[in-house]
Amino acid sequence: MPALGCPRRGTRFTQALGRHLLALVGWRVVGELPDQPRFVLIVAPHTSNWDFWIGVLAKLAIALDASWLGKHTIFFFPVAGILRWFGGEPVNRSTSQGKVEAAIERFRTRDQWVLAIAPEGTRKRVEKWRSGFYRVAVGAGVPILPVAFDFSRKVVDLGTLYWPTGDEDVDMRAIRGRYSAEMAKYPEKFAEPGAGAARAAREPT
């Protein structure tokens, strides 16, 4: 049985369309997707509404089949079909199973699956990233692919796989170190690793 690679979705036409539309707004994709059937894909910096549409076009351009998890209540007619087309999968959070547990279970039961997450969780400035993506990767035994929306170069930069060691503090610093405020659409909304602690130290007590 041949080895499974990165899950793909789309045709030559949709790939060409994605690349063309990205080019129209001055963007392109750099790097290569890993030959890996299962991984957590994180996207940052996330400071504007543009991030979503750039991500959609990039997904088309590279023919990536990636999913994201959303609260089940947003999957209603007639928008449910559109959300699923964009990779959405509902999670019923009224049960004992949360998003992290649901994601780990999906990884365990699927030979190919990519989960996309924005660890900042909001377009506002946050000093500390949500750790859900990390706990999913560790729990499922899969690597993390850091992807950057770099507005300074107008590129979607596909990074290299990072295999978590289990030391969350060390790993989070290493992963966040791959991003910088200069990449963001609004640099002031992106907190550099350790920025919160540094700012607190400068503030008078």
C-alpha atoms as a PDB file:
ATOM      1  CA  MET A   1       0.000   0.000   0.000  1.00  0.00           C
ATOM      2  CA  PRO A   2       1.509   3.376  -1.017  1.00  0.00           C
ATOM      3  CA  ALA A   3       2.409   5.827   1.727  1.00  0.00           C
ATOM      4  CA  LEU A   4      -0.088   8.611   2.306  1.00  0.00           C
ATOM      5  CA  GLY A   5       1.008  12.189   1.769  1.00  0.00           C
ATOM      6  CA  CYS A   6      -0.495  15.560   2.557  1.00  0.00           C
ATOM      7  CA  PRO A   7      -4.283  15.578   1.979  1.00  0.00           C
ATOM      8  CA  ARG A   8      -5.164  17.490  -1.163  1.00  0.00           C
ATOM      9  CA  ARG A   9      -8.355  18.939  -2.565  1.00  0.00           C
ATOM     10  CA  GLY A  10      -9.031  20.688  -5.848  1.00  0.00           C
ATOM     11  CA  THR A  11      -8.157  20.608  -9.520  1.00  0.00           C
ATOM     12  CA  ARG A  12      -5.639  22.291 -11.778  1.00  0.00           C
ATOM     13  CA  PHE A  13      -8.314  24.878 -12.522  1.00  0.00           C
ATOM     14  CA  THR A  14      -8.953  25.752  -8.860  1.00  0.00           C
ATOM     15  CA  GLN A  15      -5.196  25.895  -8.206  1.00  0.00           C
ATOM     16  CA  ALA A  16      -4.687  28.249 -11.128  1.00  0.00           C
ATOM     17  CA  LEU A  17      -7.654  30.329  -9.996  1.00  0.00           C
ATOM     18  CA  GLY A  18      -6.250  30.617  -6.479  1.00  0.00           C
ATOM     19  CA  ARG A  19      -2.805  31.655  -7.742  1.00  0.00           C
ATOM     20  CA  HIS A  20      -4.344  34.163 -10.168  1.00  0.00           C
ATOM     21  CA  LEU A  21      -6.555  35.793  -7.539  1.00  0.00           C
ATOM     22  CA  LEU A  22      -3.645  35.979  -5.106  1.00  0.00           C
ATOM     23  CA  ALA A  23      -1.535  37.616  -7.798  1.00  0.00           C
ATOM     24  CA  LEU A  24      -4.253  40.172  -8.481  1.00  0.00           C
ATOM     25  CA  VAL A  25      -3.887  41.452  -4.908  1.00  0.00           C
ATOM     26  CA  GLY A  26      -0.088  41.179  -5.089  1.00  0.00           C
ATOM     27  CA  TRP A  27       0.309  38.002  -3.053  1.00  0.00           C
ATOM     28  CA  ARG A  28       1.932  34.608  -3.587  1.00  0.00           C
ATOM     29  CA  VAL A  29       2.686  31.407  -1.701  1.00  0.00           C
ATOM     30  CA  VAL A  30       6.267  30.443  -0.870  1.00  0.00           C
ATOM     31  CA  GLY A  31       7.503  27.108   0.451  1.00  0.00           C
ATOM     32  CA  GLU A  32       6.191  23.597   0.058  1.00  0.00           C
ATOM     33  CA  LEU A  33       3.615  21.545   1.895  1.00  0.00           C
ATOM     34  CA  PRO A  34       5.166  18.675   3.851  1.00  0.00           C
ATOM     35  CA  ASP A  35       4.754  15.119   2.628  1.00  0.00           C
ATOM     36  CA  GLN A  36       2.925  14.356   5.853  1.00  0.00           C
ATOM     37  CA  PRO A  37      -0.616  12.933   6.070  1.00  0.00           C
ATOM     38  CA  ARG A  38      -1.564  14.440   9.436  1.00  0.00           C
ATOM     39  CA  PHE A  39      -0.515  17.674  11.119  1.00  0.00           C
ATOM     40  CA  VAL A  40      -1.749  20.795  12.878  1.00  0.00           C
ATOM     41  CA  LEU A  41      -1.401  23.929  10.744  1.00  0.00           C
ATOM     42  CA  ILE A  42      -1.225  27.230  12.595  1.00  0.00           C
ATOM     43  CA  VAL A  43      -1.588  30.634  10.947  1.00  0.00           C
ATOM     44  CA  ALA A  44      -0.300  33.939  12.324  1.00  0.00           C
ATOM     45  CA  PRO A  45      -0.118  36.876  12.677  1.00  0.00           C
ATOM     46  CA  HIS A  46      -3.892  37.304  12.734  1.00  0.00           C
ATOM     47  CA  THR A  47      -4.641  41.016  12.967  1.00  0.00           C
ATOM     48  CA  SER A  48      -7.140  41.761  10.171  1.00  0.00           C
ATOM     49  CA  ASN A  49     -10.122  40.455   8.210  1.00  0.00           C
ATOM     50  CA  TRP A  50      -7.844  40.172   5.200  1.00  0.00           C
ATOM     51  CA  ASP A  51      -6.165  37.151   6.793  1.00  0.00           C
ATOM     52  CA  PHE A  52      -9.201  34.932   6.195  1.00  0.00           C
ATOM     53  CA  TRP A  53      -9.515  35.721   2.488  1.00  0.00           C
ATOM     54  CA  ILE A  54      -5.781  35.444   1.866  1.00  0.00           C
ATOM     55  CA  GLY A  55      -5.907  32.073   3.593  1.00  0.00           C
ATOM     56  CA  VAL A  56      -8.828  30.880   1.449  1.00  0.00           C
ATOM     57  CA  LEU A  57      -7.039  31.842  -1.773  1.00  0.00           C
ATOM     58  CA  ALA A  58      -3.788  30.248  -0.599  1.00  0.00           C
ATOM     59  CA  LYS A  59      -5.640  27.049   0.246  1.00  0.00           C
ATOM     60  CA  LEU A  60      -7.013  26.961  -3.308  1.00  0.00           C
ATOM     61  CA  ALA A  61      -3.618  27.759  -4.823  1.00  0.00           C
ATOM     62  CA  ILE A  62      -1.844  24.864  -3.099  1.00  0.00           C
ATOM     63  CA  ALA A  63      -4.817  22.450  -3.241  1.00  0.00           C
ATOM     64  CA  LEU A  64      -4.693  21.815   0.489  1.00  0.00           C
ATOM     65  CA  ASP A  65      -7.507  19.901   2.159  1.00  0.00           C
ATOM     66  CA  ALA A  66      -7.522  21.474   5.625  1.00  0.00           C
ATOM     67  CA  SER A  67     -10.271  21.553   8.249  1.00  0.00           C
ATOM     68  CA  TRP A  68     -11.230  23.803  11.134  1.00  0.00           C
ATOM     69  CA  LEU A  69     -13.544  23.118  14.053  1.00  0.00           C
ATOM     70  CA  GLY A  70     -16.495  25.343  14.898  1.00  0.00           C
ATOM     71  CA  LYS A  71     -19.317  25.366  17.404  1.00  0.00           C
ATOM     72  CA  HIS A  72     -22.142  23.202  16.072  1.00  0.00           C
ATOM     73  CA  THR A  73     -24.699  25.994  16.422  1.00  0.00           C
ATOM     74  CA  ILE A  74     -23.167  27.977  13.536  1.00  0.00           C
ATOM     75  CA  PHE A  75     -23.740  25.087  11.135  1.00  0.00           C
ATOM     76  CA  PHE A  76     -27.321  25.779  10.168  1.00  0.00           C
ATOM     77  CA  PHE A  77     -29.122  26.032   6.845  1.00  0.00           C
ATOM     78  CA  PRO A  78     -28.290  27.659   4.479  1.00  0.00           C
ATOM     79  CA  VAL A  79     -24.749  28.554   5.661  1.00  0.00           C
ATOM     80  CA  ALA A  80     -23.789  25.039   6.807  1.00  0.00           C
ATOM     81  CA  GLY A  81     -22.903  23.919   3.295  1.00  0.00           C
ATOM     82  CA  ILE A  82     -20.706  26.965   2.722  1.00  0.00           C
ATOM     83  CA  LEU A  83     -18.907  26.486   6.047  1.00  0.00           C
ATOM     84  CA  ARG A  84     -18.266  22.819   5.263  1.00  0.00           C
ATOM     85  CA  TRP A  85     -16.964  23.758   1.809  1.00  0.00           C
ATOM     86  CA  PHE A  86     -14.468  26.051   3.523  1.00  0.00           C
ATOM     87  CA  GLY A  87     -13.352  23.089   5.654  1.00  0.00           C
ATOM     88  CA  GLY A  88     -15.554  23.613   8.697  1.00  0.00           C
ATOM     89  CA  GLU A  89     -16.484  20.685  10.927  1.00  0.00           C
ATOM     90  CA  PRO A  90     -19.014  21.087  13.756  1.00  0.00           C
ATOM     91  CA  VAL A  91     -18.237  20.280  17.373  1.00  0.00           C
ATOM     92  CA  ASN A  92     -21.031  19.987  19.927  1.00  0.00           C
ATOM     93  CA  ARG A  93     -19.564  21.738  22.951  1.00  0.00           C
ATOM     94  CA  SER A  94     -22.609  20.934  25.075  1.00  0.00           C
ATOM     95  CA  THR A  95     -21.174  17.435  25.434  1.00  0.00           C
ATOM     96  CA  SER A  96     -18.246  16.513  27.655  1.00  0.00           C
ATOM     97  CA  GLN A  97     -15.954  16.503  24.625  1.00  0.00           C
ATOM     98  CA  GLY A  98     -14.326  19.869  23.901  1.00  0.00           C
ATOM     99  CA  LYS A  99     -12.525  21.031  20.784  1.00  0.00           C
ATOM    100  CA  VAL A 100      -9.154  19.650  21.842  1.00  0.00           C
ATOM    101  CA  GLU A 101     -10.538  16.200  22.589  1.00  0.00           C
ATOM    102  CA  ALA A 102     -12.632  16.222  19.404  1.00  0.00           C
ATOM    103  CA  ALA A 103      -9.586  17.116  17.324  1.00  0.00           C
ATOM    104  CA  ILE A 104      -7.427  14.413  18.910  1.00  0.00           C
ATOM    105  CA  GLU A 105     -10.151  11.838  18.247  1.00  0.00           C
ATOM    106  CA  ARG A 106     -10.336  12.864  14.598  1.00  0.00           C
ATOM    107  CA  PHE A 107      -6.585  12.481  14.225  1.00  0.00           C
ATOM    108  CA  ARG A 108      -6.754   9.045  15.797  1.00  0.00           C
ATOM    109  CA  THR A 109      -9.482   7.828  13.448  1.00  0.00           C
ATOM    110  CA  ARG A 110      -8.294   9.365  10.162  1.00  0.00           C
ATOM    111  CA  ASP A 111      -5.328   8.378   8.051  1.00  0.00           C
ATOM    112  CA  GLN A 112      -5.153  11.868   6.546  1.00  0.00           C
ATOM    113  CA  TRP A 113      -6.253  15.059   8.258  1.00  0.00           C
ATOM    114  CA  VAL A 114      -4.959  18.609   8.600  1.00  0.00           C
ATOM    115  CA  LEU A 115      -6.381  20.887  11.279  1.00  0.00           C
ATOM    116  CA  ALA A 116      -5.965  24.645  10.761  1.00  0.00           C
ATOM    117  CA  ILE A 117      -5.959  26.931  13.810  1.00  0.00           C
ATOM    118  CA  ALA A 118      -5.239  30.615  14.477  1.00  0.00           C
ATOM    119  CA  PRO A 119      -3.615  30.397  17.930  1.00  0.00           C
ATOM    120  CA  GLU A 120      -4.167  34.078  18.692  1.00  0.00           C
ATOM    121  CA  GLY A 121      -7.910  33.389  18.559  1.00  0.00           C
ATOM    122  CA  THR A 122      -8.768  37.027  17.831  1.00  0.00           C
ATOM    123  CA  ARG A 123      -7.674  39.966  15.696  1.00  0.00           C
ATOM    124  CA  LYS A 124      -6.956  41.945  18.862  1.00  0.00           C
ATOM    125  CA  ARG A 125      -3.526  42.038  20.471  1.00  0.00           C
ATOM    126  CA  VAL A 126      -2.951  39.090  22.775  1.00  0.00           C
ATOM    127  CA  GLU A 127       0.150  38.549  24.896  1.00  0.00           C
ATOM    128  CA  LYS A 128      -0.368  34.803  25.283  1.00  0.00           C
ATOM    129  CA  TRP A 129      -1.443  32.426  22.532  1.00  0.00           C
ATOM    130  CA  ARG A 130      -4.105  29.837  23.173  1.00  0.00           C
ATOM    131  CA  SER A 131      -2.440  26.492  23.741  1.00  0.00           C
ATOM    132  CA  GLY A 132      -5.183  24.320  22.222  1.00  0.00           C
ATOM    133  CA  PHE A 133      -3.252  23.700  19.016  1.00  0.00           C
ATOM    134  CA  TYR A 134      -0.243  22.532  21.017  1.00  0.00           C
ATOM    135  CA  ARG A 135      -2.266  20.190  23.210  1.00  0.00           C
ATOM    136  CA  VAL A 136      -3.887  18.700  20.111  1.00  0.00           C
ATOM    137  CA  ALA A 137      -0.515  18.074  18.470  1.00  0.00           C
ATOM    138  CA  VAL A 138       0.952  16.471  21.588  1.00  0.00           C
ATOM    139  CA  GLY A 139      -2.176  14.416  22.301  1.00  0.00           C
ATOM    140  CA  ALA A 140      -2.424  13.149  18.735  1.00  0.00           C
ATOM    141  CA  GLY A 141       1.312  12.688  18.239  1.00  0.00           C
ATOM    142  CA  VAL A 142       1.432  14.892  15.130  1.00  0.00           C
ATOM    143  CA  PRO A 143       3.710  17.764  14.090  1.00  0.00           C
ATOM    144  CA  ILE A 144       2.884  21.456  13.776  1.00  0.00           C
ATOM    145  CA  LEU A 145       3.253  23.446  10.553  1.00  0.00           C
ATOM    146  CA  PRO A 146       3.697  27.194  11.234  1.00  0.00           C
ATOM    147  CA  VAL A 147       2.335  29.273   8.336  1.00  0.00           C
ATOM    148  CA  ALA A 148       2.844  33.051   8.233  1.00  0.00           C
ATOM    149  CA  PHE A 149       0.685  35.715   6.612  1.00  0.00           C
ATOM    150  CA  ASP A 150       3.564  38.075   5.880  1.00  0.00           C
ATOM    151  CA  PHE A 151       2.126  41.432   4.795  1.00  0.00           C
ATOM    152  CA  SER A 152       5.608  42.975   4.611  1.00  0.00           C
ATOM    153  CA  ARG A 153       6.444  40.711   1.657  1.00  0.00           C
ATOM    154  CA  LYS A 154       2.860  39.849   0.662  1.00  0.00           C
ATOM    155  CA  VAL A 155       3.538  36.139   0.900  1.00  0.00           C
ATOM    156  CA  VAL A 156       1.891  33.193   2.567  1.00  0.00           C
ATOM    157  CA  ASP A 157       4.996  31.511   3.943  1.00  0.00           C
ATOM    158  CA  LEU A 158       4.704  27.763   4.440  1.00  0.00           C
ATOM    159  CA  GLY A 159       7.177  27.006   7.169  1.00  0.00           C
ATOM    160  CA  THR A 160       8.811  23.722   8.147  1.00  0.00           C
ATOM    161  CA  LEU A 161       7.317  21.090  10.410  1.00  0.00           C
ATOM    162  CA  TYR A 162       7.922  21.395  14.133  1.00  0.00           C
ATOM    163  CA  TRP A 163       7.676  18.240  16.234  1.00  0.00           C
ATOM    164  CA  PRO A 164       6.704  19.170  19.805  1.00  0.00           C
ATOM    165  CA  THR A 165       9.013  17.889  22.521  1.00  0.00           C
ATOM    166  CA  GLY A 166       6.404  17.901  25.279  1.00  0.00           C
ATOM    167  CA  ASP A 167       7.976  20.918  26.984  1.00  0.00           C
ATOM    168  CA  GLU A 168       5.240  23.458  26.260  1.00  0.00           C
ATOM    169  CA  ASP A 169       7.164  26.549  27.376  1.00  0.00           C
ATOM    170  CA  VAL A 170      10.179  25.730  25.226  1.00  0.00           C
ATOM    171  CA  ASP A 171       8.110  24.701  22.225  1.00  0.00           C
ATOM    172  CA  MET A 172       5.796  27.702  22.339  1.00  0.00           C
ATOM    173  CA  ARG A 173       8.777  30.082  22.439  1.00  0.00           C
ATOM    174  CA  ALA A 174      10.360  28.292  19.491  1.00  0.00           C
ATOM    175  CA  ILE A 175       7.159  28.359  17.440  1.00  0.00           C
ATOM    176  CA  ARG A 176       6.281  31.972  18.250  1.00  0.00           C
ATOM    177  CA  GLY A 177       9.845  32.915  17.413  1.00  0.00           C
ATOM    178  CA  ARG A 178       9.085  32.116  13.779  1.00  0.00           C
ATOM    179  CA  TYR A 179       6.776  35.138  13.625  1.00  0.00           C
ATOM    180  CA  SER A 180       7.388  38.866  14.010  1.00  0.00           C
ATOM    181  CA  ALA A 181       5.265  41.995  14.272  1.00  0.00           C
ATOM    182  CA  GLU A 182       6.598  43.209  10.909  1.00  0.00           C
ATOM    183  CA  MET A 183       4.672  40.391   9.225  1.00  0.00           C
ATOM    184  CA  ALA A 184       1.291  41.588  10.473  1.00  0.00           C
ATOM    185  CA  LYS A 185      -1.136  43.833   8.631  1.00  0.00           C
ATOM    186  CA  TYR A 186      -1.287  45.844  11.867  1.00  0.00           C
ATOM    187  CA  PRO A 187       2.061  45.295  13.630  1.00  0.00           C
ATOM    188  CA  GLU A 188       0.890  46.997  16.828  1.00  0.00           C
ATOM    189  CA  LYS A 189      -1.649  44.198  17.302  1.00  0.00           C
ATOM    190  CA  PHE A 190       0.957  41.437  17.301  1.00  0.00           C
ATOM    191  CA  ALA A 191       2.736  40.691  20.563  1.00  0.00           C
ATOM    192  CA  GLU A 192       6.281  39.409  20.267  1.00  0.00           C
ATOM    193  CA  PRO A 193       7.212  36.466  22.535  1.00  0.00           C
ATOM    194  CA  GLY A 194       7.840  37.814  26.008  1.00  0.00           C
ATOM    195  CA  ALA A 195       6.543  41.273  25.091  1.00  0.00           C
ATOM    196  CA  GLY A 196       3.983  41.258  27.866  1.00  0.00           C
ATOM    197  CA  ALA A 197       6.541  40.458  30.528  1.00  0.00           C
ATOM    198  CA  ALA A 198       8.949  43.054  29.152  1.00  0.00           C
ATOM    199  CA  ARG A 199       6.266  45.752  29.130  1.00  0.00           C
ATOM    200  CA  ALA A 200       5.192  44.855  32.673  1.00  0.00           C
ATOM    201  CA  ALA A 201       8.769  45.213  33.850  1.00  0.00           C
ATOM    202  CA  ARG A 202       8.919  48.725  32.424  1.00  0.00           C
ATOM    203  CA  GLU A 203       5.669  49.852  34.016  1.00  0.00           C
ATOM    204  CA  PRO A 204       5.917  51.567  37.423  1.00  0.00           C
ATOM    205  CA  THR A 205       4.596  49.668  40.415  1.00  0.00           C
END
